């Protein structure tokens, strides 16, 4: 198992596979810290970034990682090592969480942080963060 801090393998999948949706507040933040045009379509009060994320660098890292939107914070590619097989099903991830405390704690913390950050900026995916006993 890789250390918790190393679950991002800089594969760029999150920036190319997601249909990234942002709130107006998140879009304003991104536009204020970059000079990169961010093409969006508005749907149900939220904005969808058209195509691949323009904030991905050539080295497949996020150029605005500390300010990335809530949806990006919630994304997990499902790999446990850089060349590992992808856990393609929720049941695979749930099974891993049931047997590996380190992964469960990491996954829960990642989701809690993302939900808190997003809800502070207008998302309402969950009313409160979950807590695990481990």
N, C-alpha and C. Protein backbone atom coordinates (compact mmCIF):
# COMPACT_ATOMS: atom_id res chain seq x y z
N UNK A 1 0.84 -1.17 0.00
CA UNK A 1 0.00 0.00 0.00
C UNK A 1 0.88 1.24 0.00
N UNK A 2 0.51 2.22 -0.78
CA UNK A 2 1.25 3.47 -0.85
C UNK A 2 0.86 4.38 0.31
N UNK A 3 1.78 5.25 0.74
CA UNK A 3 1.41 6.19 1.80
C UNK A 3 0.23 7.06 1.35
N UNK A 4 -0.57 7.49 2.30
CA UNK A 4 -1.77 8.26 2.01
C UNK A 4 -1.49 9.46 1.11
N UNK A 5 -0.39 10.16 1.34
CA UNK A 5 -0.09 11.36 0.55
C UNK A 5 0.19 11.05 -0.91
N UNK A 6 0.40 9.79 -1.25
CA UNK A 6 0.81 9.44 -2.60
C UNK A 6 -0.28 8.76 -3.43
N UNK A 7 -1.56 9.01 -3.14
CA UNK A 7 -2.61 8.39 -3.92
C UNK A 7 -2.88 9.12 -5.23
N UNK A 8 -2.30 10.27 -5.44
CA UNK A 8 -2.40 10.93 -6.75
C UNK A 8 -1.15 10.57 -7.53
N UNK A 9 -1.36 9.91 -8.67
CA UNK A 9 -0.24 9.43 -9.47
C UNK A 9 0.01 10.30 -10.69
N UNK A 10 -0.66 11.46 -10.73
CA UNK A 10 -0.45 12.44 -11.80
C UNK A 10 -0.64 11.83 -13.18
N UNK A 11 -1.72 11.05 -13.30
CA UNK A 11 -2.02 10.43 -14.58
C UNK A 11 -2.87 11.35 -15.46
N UNK A 12 -3.48 12.38 -14.87
CA UNK A 12 -4.31 13.31 -15.63
C UNK A 12 -5.70 12.79 -15.91
N UNK A 13 -6.04 11.62 -15.41
CA UNK A 13 -7.35 11.05 -15.70
C UNK A 13 -8.48 11.94 -15.21
N UNK A 14 -8.31 12.50 -14.02
CA UNK A 14 -9.37 13.35 -13.47
C UNK A 14 -9.63 14.56 -14.36
N UNK A 15 -8.60 15.06 -14.99
CA UNK A 15 -8.73 16.26 -15.82
C UNK A 15 -9.22 15.96 -17.24
N UNK A 16 -9.15 14.70 -17.63
CA UNK A 16 -9.55 14.35 -18.99
C UNK A 16 -10.79 13.47 -19.05
N UNK A 17 -11.09 12.75 -17.96
CA UNK A 17 -12.22 11.83 -17.97
C UNK A 17 -13.47 12.41 -17.34
N UNK A 18 -13.32 13.33 -16.42
CA UNK A 18 -14.47 13.94 -15.75
C UNK A 18 -15.14 14.97 -16.63
N UNK A 19 -16.43 15.07 -16.51
CA UNK A 19 -17.16 16.23 -17.02
C UNK A 19 -17.24 17.16 -15.81
N UNK A 20 -16.29 18.08 -15.71
CA UNK A 20 -16.13 18.88 -14.50
C UNK A 20 -17.21 19.95 -14.42
N UNK A 21 -17.93 19.94 -13.30
CA UNK A 21 -18.97 20.91 -13.03
C UNK A 21 -18.50 21.81 -11.90
N UNK A 22 -18.68 23.11 -12.06
CA UNK A 22 -18.25 24.07 -11.06
C UNK A 22 -19.39 25.04 -10.76
N UNK A 23 -19.36 25.61 -9.58
CA UNK A 23 -20.31 26.67 -9.24
C UNK A 23 -19.78 27.99 -9.78
N UNK A 24 -20.61 29.01 -9.74
CA UNK A 24 -20.16 30.34 -10.17
C UNK A 24 -19.00 30.80 -9.30
N UNK A 25 -19.09 30.53 -8.00
CA UNK A 25 -18.01 30.92 -7.08
C UNK A 25 -16.70 30.24 -7.46
N UNK A 26 -16.76 28.93 -7.74
CA UNK A 26 -15.54 28.21 -8.11
C UNK A 26 -14.99 28.73 -9.44
N UNK A 27 -15.87 29.00 -10.38
CA UNK A 27 -15.44 29.55 -11.66
C UNK A 27 -14.78 30.91 -11.48
N UNK A 28 -15.36 31.73 -10.61
CA UNK A 28 -14.76 33.04 -10.32
C UNK A 28 -13.37 32.89 -9.71
N UNK A 29 -13.21 31.93 -8.79
CA UNK A 29 -11.91 31.68 -8.17
C UNK A 29 -10.90 31.27 -9.24
N UNK A 30 -11.27 30.31 -10.08
CA UNK A 30 -10.36 29.83 -11.12
C UNK A 30 -9.96 30.95 -12.08
N UNK A 31 -10.93 31.75 -12.47
CA UNK A 31 -10.64 32.84 -13.40
C UNK A 31 -9.79 33.93 -12.76
N UNK A 32 -9.93 34.11 -11.43
CA UNK A 32 -9.15 35.17 -10.77
C UNK A 32 -7.70 34.77 -10.56
N UNK A 33 -7.40 33.49 -10.52
CA UNK A 33 -6.01 33.07 -10.26
C UNK A 33 -5.28 32.61 -11.51
N UNK A 34 -5.98 32.56 -12.65
CA UNK A 34 -5.33 32.16 -13.90
C UNK A 34 -5.65 33.16 -15.00
N UNK A 35 -4.89 33.11 -16.03
CA UNK A 35 -5.19 33.89 -17.23
C UNK A 35 -5.63 32.95 -18.35
N UNK A 36 -6.06 31.77 -17.96
CA UNK A 36 -6.45 30.75 -18.93
C UNK A 36 -7.95 30.83 -19.18
N UNK A 37 -8.37 30.92 -20.43
CA UNK A 37 -9.81 30.91 -20.71
C UNK A 37 -10.40 29.54 -20.30
N UNK A 38 -11.52 29.59 -19.61
CA UNK A 38 -12.17 28.36 -19.16
C UNK A 38 -13.54 28.30 -19.84
N UNK A 39 -13.65 27.51 -20.92
CA UNK A 39 -14.93 27.44 -21.64
C UNK A 39 -15.94 26.59 -20.87
N UNK A 40 -17.13 27.17 -20.62
CA UNK A 40 -18.15 26.47 -19.85
C UNK A 40 -19.51 26.55 -20.52
N UNK A 41 -20.37 25.61 -20.14
CA UNK A 41 -21.79 25.64 -20.51
C UNK A 41 -22.57 25.68 -19.21
N UNK A 42 -23.63 26.51 -19.15
CA UNK A 42 -24.41 26.63 -17.91
C UNK A 42 -25.56 25.63 -17.94
N UNK A 43 -25.69 24.87 -16.82
CA UNK A 43 -26.77 23.90 -16.68
C UNK A 43 -27.24 23.91 -15.23
N UNK A 44 -28.51 24.13 -15.01
CA UNK A 44 -29.09 24.09 -13.66
C UNK A 44 -28.33 24.93 -12.64
N UNK A 45 -27.89 26.11 -13.02
CA UNK A 45 -27.22 27.00 -12.10
C UNK A 45 -25.75 26.69 -11.86
N UNK A 46 -25.27 25.63 -12.49
CA UNK A 46 -23.85 25.27 -12.37
C UNK A 46 -23.25 25.29 -13.77
N UNK A 47 -21.95 25.30 -13.81
CA UNK A 47 -21.25 25.41 -15.08
C UNK A 47 -20.44 24.15 -15.35
N UNK A 48 -20.54 23.62 -16.56
CA UNK A 48 -19.76 22.46 -16.95
C UNK A 48 -18.62 22.92 -17.84
N UNK A 49 -17.40 22.52 -17.48
CA UNK A 49 -16.24 22.87 -18.29
C UNK A 49 -16.31 22.04 -19.57
N UNK A 50 -16.23 22.70 -20.70
CA UNK A 50 -16.31 22.03 -21.99
C UNK A 50 -14.99 21.36 -22.33
N UNK A 51 -15.04 20.06 -22.61
CA UNK A 51 -13.84 19.33 -23.00
C UNK A 51 -12.94 19.02 -21.82
N UNK A 52 -11.69 18.71 -22.12
CA UNK A 52 -10.72 18.44 -21.06
C UNK A 52 -10.44 19.71 -20.28
N UNK A 53 -10.05 19.56 -19.04
CA UNK A 53 -9.78 20.72 -18.21
C UNK A 53 -8.59 21.49 -18.76
N UNK A 54 -8.76 22.79 -19.02
CA UNK A 54 -7.67 23.59 -19.56
C UNK A 54 -6.59 23.91 -18.52
N UNK A 55 -6.80 23.51 -17.27
CA UNK A 55 -5.86 23.82 -16.21
C UNK A 55 -4.85 22.71 -15.97
N UNK A 56 -4.92 21.65 -16.77
CA UNK A 56 -3.96 20.54 -16.69
C UNK A 56 -2.67 20.96 -17.37
N UNK A 57 -1.55 20.74 -16.68
CA UNK A 57 -0.25 21.12 -17.24
C UNK A 57 0.25 20.01 -18.18
N UNK A 58 1.23 20.28 -19.01
CA UNK A 58 1.79 19.24 -19.88
C UNK A 58 2.37 18.05 -19.10
N UNK A 59 2.79 18.28 -17.86
CA UNK A 59 3.32 17.18 -17.05
C UNK A 59 2.21 16.44 -16.29
N UNK A 60 0.96 16.70 -16.67
CA UNK A 60 -0.23 16.03 -16.12
C UNK A 60 -0.44 16.32 -14.63
N UNK A 61 -0.20 17.54 -14.24
CA UNK A 61 -0.51 17.98 -12.89
C UNK A 61 -1.50 19.13 -12.98
N UNK A 62 -2.22 19.35 -11.90
CA UNK A 62 -3.20 20.43 -11.86
C UNK A 62 -2.49 21.75 -11.56
N UNK A 63 -2.72 22.73 -12.39
CA UNK A 63 -2.06 24.02 -12.20
C UNK A 63 -2.71 24.85 -11.08
N UNK A 64 -3.87 24.43 -10.61
CA UNK A 64 -4.57 25.15 -9.54
C UNK A 64 -4.97 24.18 -8.41
N UNK A 65 -4.10 23.23 -8.11
CA UNK A 65 -4.43 22.13 -7.20
C UNK A 65 -5.03 22.61 -5.88
N UNK A 66 -4.43 23.61 -5.24
CA UNK A 66 -4.94 24.08 -3.95
C UNK A 66 -6.29 24.77 -4.06
N UNK A 67 -6.66 25.20 -5.25
CA UNK A 67 -7.94 25.88 -5.47
C UNK A 67 -8.87 25.08 -6.37
N UNK A 68 -8.57 23.81 -6.58
CA UNK A 68 -9.39 23.00 -7.48
C UNK A 68 -10.82 22.88 -6.97
N UNK A 69 -11.78 22.75 -7.87
CA UNK A 69 -13.19 22.68 -7.48
C UNK A 69 -13.52 21.43 -6.66
N UNK A 70 -14.67 21.48 -6.03
CA UNK A 70 -15.13 20.38 -5.18
C UNK A 70 -15.19 19.05 -5.93
N UNK A 71 -15.72 19.06 -7.14
CA UNK A 71 -15.83 17.80 -7.89
C UNK A 71 -14.46 17.18 -8.13
N UNK A 72 -13.47 18.00 -8.39
CA UNK A 72 -12.10 17.49 -8.58
C UNK A 72 -11.56 16.91 -7.28
N UNK A 73 -11.90 17.54 -6.16
CA UNK A 73 -11.45 17.05 -4.87
C UNK A 73 -12.05 15.69 -4.54
N UNK A 74 -13.25 15.43 -5.02
CA UNK A 74 -13.92 14.17 -4.74
C UNK A 74 -13.46 13.03 -5.65
N UNK A 75 -12.86 13.36 -6.77
CA UNK A 75 -12.50 12.33 -7.74
C UNK A 75 -11.36 11.45 -7.23
N UNK A 76 -11.53 10.18 -7.44
CA UNK A 76 -10.47 9.22 -7.11
C UNK A 76 -10.41 8.24 -8.28
N UNK A 77 -9.24 8.08 -8.87
CA UNK A 77 -9.13 7.27 -10.08
C UNK A 77 -9.29 5.78 -9.81
N UNK A 78 -9.19 5.37 -8.54
CA UNK A 78 -9.39 3.96 -8.22
C UNK A 78 -8.14 3.12 -8.30
N UNK A 79 -7.00 3.74 -8.46
CA UNK A 79 -5.73 2.98 -8.49
C UNK A 79 -5.05 3.06 -7.14
N UNK A 80 -4.33 2.00 -6.81
CA UNK A 80 -3.61 1.99 -5.54
C UNK A 80 -2.11 2.15 -5.73
N UNK A 81 -1.66 2.12 -6.97
CA UNK A 81 -0.26 2.39 -7.28
C UNK A 81 -0.21 2.89 -8.72
N UNK A 82 0.88 3.50 -9.12
CA UNK A 82 0.93 4.17 -10.42
C UNK A 82 0.56 3.30 -11.62
N UNK A 83 0.93 2.03 -11.60
CA UNK A 83 0.62 1.17 -12.74
C UNK A 83 -0.42 0.13 -12.40
N UNK A 84 -1.08 0.33 -11.27
CA UNK A 84 -2.03 -0.66 -10.78
C UNK A 84 -3.32 -0.71 -11.56
N UNK A 85 -3.99 -1.82 -11.39
CA UNK A 85 -5.29 -2.00 -12.01
C UNK A 85 -6.28 -1.03 -11.37
N UNK A 86 -7.17 -0.52 -12.19
CA UNK A 86 -8.16 0.42 -11.70
C UNK A 86 -9.30 -0.34 -11.04
N UNK A 87 -9.72 0.15 -9.88
CA UNK A 87 -10.91 -0.39 -9.23
C UNK A 87 -12.11 0.26 -9.91
N UNK A 88 -12.72 -0.46 -10.80
CA UNK A 88 -13.75 0.12 -11.65
C UNK A 88 -15.14 0.15 -11.07
N UNK A 89 -15.36 -0.54 -9.98
CA UNK A 89 -16.71 -0.63 -9.45
C UNK A 89 -16.73 -0.13 -8.01
N UNK A 90 -17.81 0.49 -7.64
CA UNK A 90 -17.99 0.96 -6.26
C UNK A 90 -17.81 -0.21 -5.30
N UNK A 91 -18.29 -1.40 -5.67
CA UNK A 91 -18.16 -2.56 -4.78
C UNK A 91 -16.70 -2.90 -4.52
N UNK A 92 -15.82 -2.72 -5.51
CA UNK A 92 -14.39 -2.97 -5.31
C UNK A 92 -13.81 -2.00 -4.29
N UNK A 93 -14.18 -0.74 -4.42
CA UNK A 93 -13.69 0.29 -3.51
C UNK A 93 -14.25 0.04 -2.10
N UNK A 94 -15.53 -0.32 -2.01
CA UNK A 94 -16.12 -0.60 -0.70
C UNK A 94 -15.46 -1.81 -0.05
N UNK A 95 -15.15 -2.83 -0.84
CA UNK A 95 -14.48 -4.02 -0.31
C UNK A 95 -13.10 -3.64 0.23
N UNK A 96 -12.36 -2.83 -0.54
CA UNK A 96 -11.05 -2.39 -0.09
C UNK A 96 -11.16 -1.59 1.20
N UNK A 97 -12.16 -0.71 1.28
CA UNK A 97 -12.36 0.09 2.48
C UNK A 97 -12.67 -0.79 3.68
N UNK A 98 -13.35 -1.91 3.46
CA UNK A 98 -13.73 -2.78 4.58
C UNK A 98 -12.54 -3.55 5.15
N UNK A 99 -11.50 -3.76 4.34
CA UNK A 99 -10.36 -4.55 4.82
C UNK A 99 -9.09 -3.73 5.06
N UNK A 100 -9.07 -2.49 4.63
CA UNK A 100 -7.86 -1.70 4.75
C UNK A 100 -8.17 -0.38 5.45
N UNK A 101 -7.84 -0.31 6.73
CA UNK A 101 -8.15 0.87 7.54
C UNK A 101 -7.48 2.13 6.99
N UNK A 102 -6.21 2.03 6.58
CA UNK A 102 -5.51 3.20 6.06
C UNK A 102 -6.24 3.78 4.86
N UNK A 103 -6.66 2.92 3.94
CA UNK A 103 -7.38 3.39 2.76
C UNK A 103 -8.73 3.98 3.16
N UNK A 104 -9.42 3.33 4.07
CA UNK A 104 -10.74 3.81 4.50
C UNK A 104 -10.62 5.20 5.13
N UNK A 105 -9.63 5.37 5.99
CA UNK A 105 -9.43 6.67 6.63
C UNK A 105 -9.09 7.73 5.58
N UNK A 106 -8.18 7.39 4.66
CA UNK A 106 -7.82 8.33 3.60
C UNK A 106 -9.03 8.72 2.75
N UNK A 107 -9.78 7.73 2.31
CA UNK A 107 -10.92 7.96 1.43
C UNK A 107 -11.98 8.82 2.14
N UNK A 108 -12.26 8.51 3.38
CA UNK A 108 -13.26 9.27 4.14
C UNK A 108 -12.79 10.71 4.35
N UNK A 109 -11.51 10.88 4.69
CA UNK A 109 -10.98 12.23 4.90
C UNK A 109 -11.01 13.04 3.61
N UNK A 110 -10.67 12.40 2.48
CA UNK A 110 -10.71 13.07 1.19
C UNK A 110 -12.13 13.55 0.89
N UNK A 111 -13.11 12.69 1.10
CA UNK A 111 -14.49 13.06 0.82
C UNK A 111 -14.98 14.15 1.79
N UNK A 112 -14.66 14.01 3.07
CA UNK A 112 -15.07 15.01 4.05
C UNK A 112 -14.49 16.38 3.71
N UNK A 113 -13.21 16.42 3.38
CA UNK A 113 -12.57 17.69 3.03
C UNK A 113 -13.22 18.30 1.79
N UNK A 114 -13.50 17.47 0.80
CA UNK A 114 -14.10 17.97 -0.44
C UNK A 114 -15.51 18.49 -0.20
N UNK A 115 -16.30 17.75 0.55
CA UNK A 115 -17.67 18.18 0.83
C UNK A 115 -17.68 19.49 1.62
N UNK A 116 -16.82 19.57 2.63
CA UNK A 116 -16.75 20.81 3.43
C UNK A 116 -16.34 21.98 2.54
N UNK A 117 -15.28 21.80 1.75
CA UNK A 117 -14.80 22.87 0.88
C UNK A 117 -15.88 23.28 -0.12
N UNK A 118 -16.52 22.29 -0.72
CA UNK A 118 -17.55 22.58 -1.71
C UNK A 118 -18.78 23.24 -1.12
N UNK A 119 -19.24 22.76 0.03
CA UNK A 119 -20.43 23.33 0.66
C UNK A 119 -20.18 24.78 1.09
N UNK A 120 -18.93 25.10 1.44
CA UNK A 120 -18.60 26.49 1.76
C UNK A 120 -18.69 27.38 0.52
N UNK A 121 -18.69 26.76 -0.66
CA UNK A 121 -18.74 27.51 -1.92
C UNK A 121 -20.01 27.25 -2.71
N UNK A 122 -21.05 26.79 -2.04
CA UNK A 122 -22.35 26.70 -2.70
C UNK A 122 -22.85 25.31 -3.07
N UNK A 123 -22.03 24.28 -2.90
CA UNK A 123 -22.51 22.93 -3.16
C UNK A 123 -23.36 22.49 -1.99
N UNK A 124 -24.25 21.54 -2.22
CA UNK A 124 -25.04 21.00 -1.11
C UNK A 124 -25.22 19.50 -1.32
N UNK A 125 -24.13 18.81 -1.58
CA UNK A 125 -24.21 17.38 -1.84
C UNK A 125 -24.58 16.60 -0.60
N UNK A 126 -24.03 16.99 0.54
CA UNK A 126 -24.35 16.37 1.83
C UNK A 126 -24.47 17.48 2.84
N UNK A 127 -25.34 17.29 3.80
CA UNK A 127 -25.51 18.33 4.81
C UNK A 127 -24.38 18.37 5.82
N UNK A 128 -23.79 17.23 6.13
CA UNK A 128 -22.69 17.22 7.07
C UNK A 128 -21.68 16.15 6.64
N UNK A 129 -20.49 16.30 7.14
CA UNK A 129 -19.44 15.33 6.79
C UNK A 129 -19.63 14.08 7.62
N UNK A 130 -19.21 12.96 7.04
CA UNK A 130 -19.31 11.68 7.74
C UNK A 130 -18.12 11.53 8.66
N UNK A 131 -18.24 10.67 9.60
CA UNK A 131 -17.14 10.34 10.49
C UNK A 131 -17.04 8.83 10.57
N UNK A 132 -15.83 8.34 10.62
CA UNK A 132 -15.65 6.91 10.76
C UNK A 132 -14.99 6.62 12.09
N UNK A 133 -15.26 5.48 12.62
CA UNK A 133 -14.57 5.01 13.81
C UNK A 133 -13.57 3.99 13.34
N UNK A 134 -12.32 4.18 13.64
CA UNK A 134 -11.34 3.27 13.11
C UNK A 134 -10.40 2.80 14.10
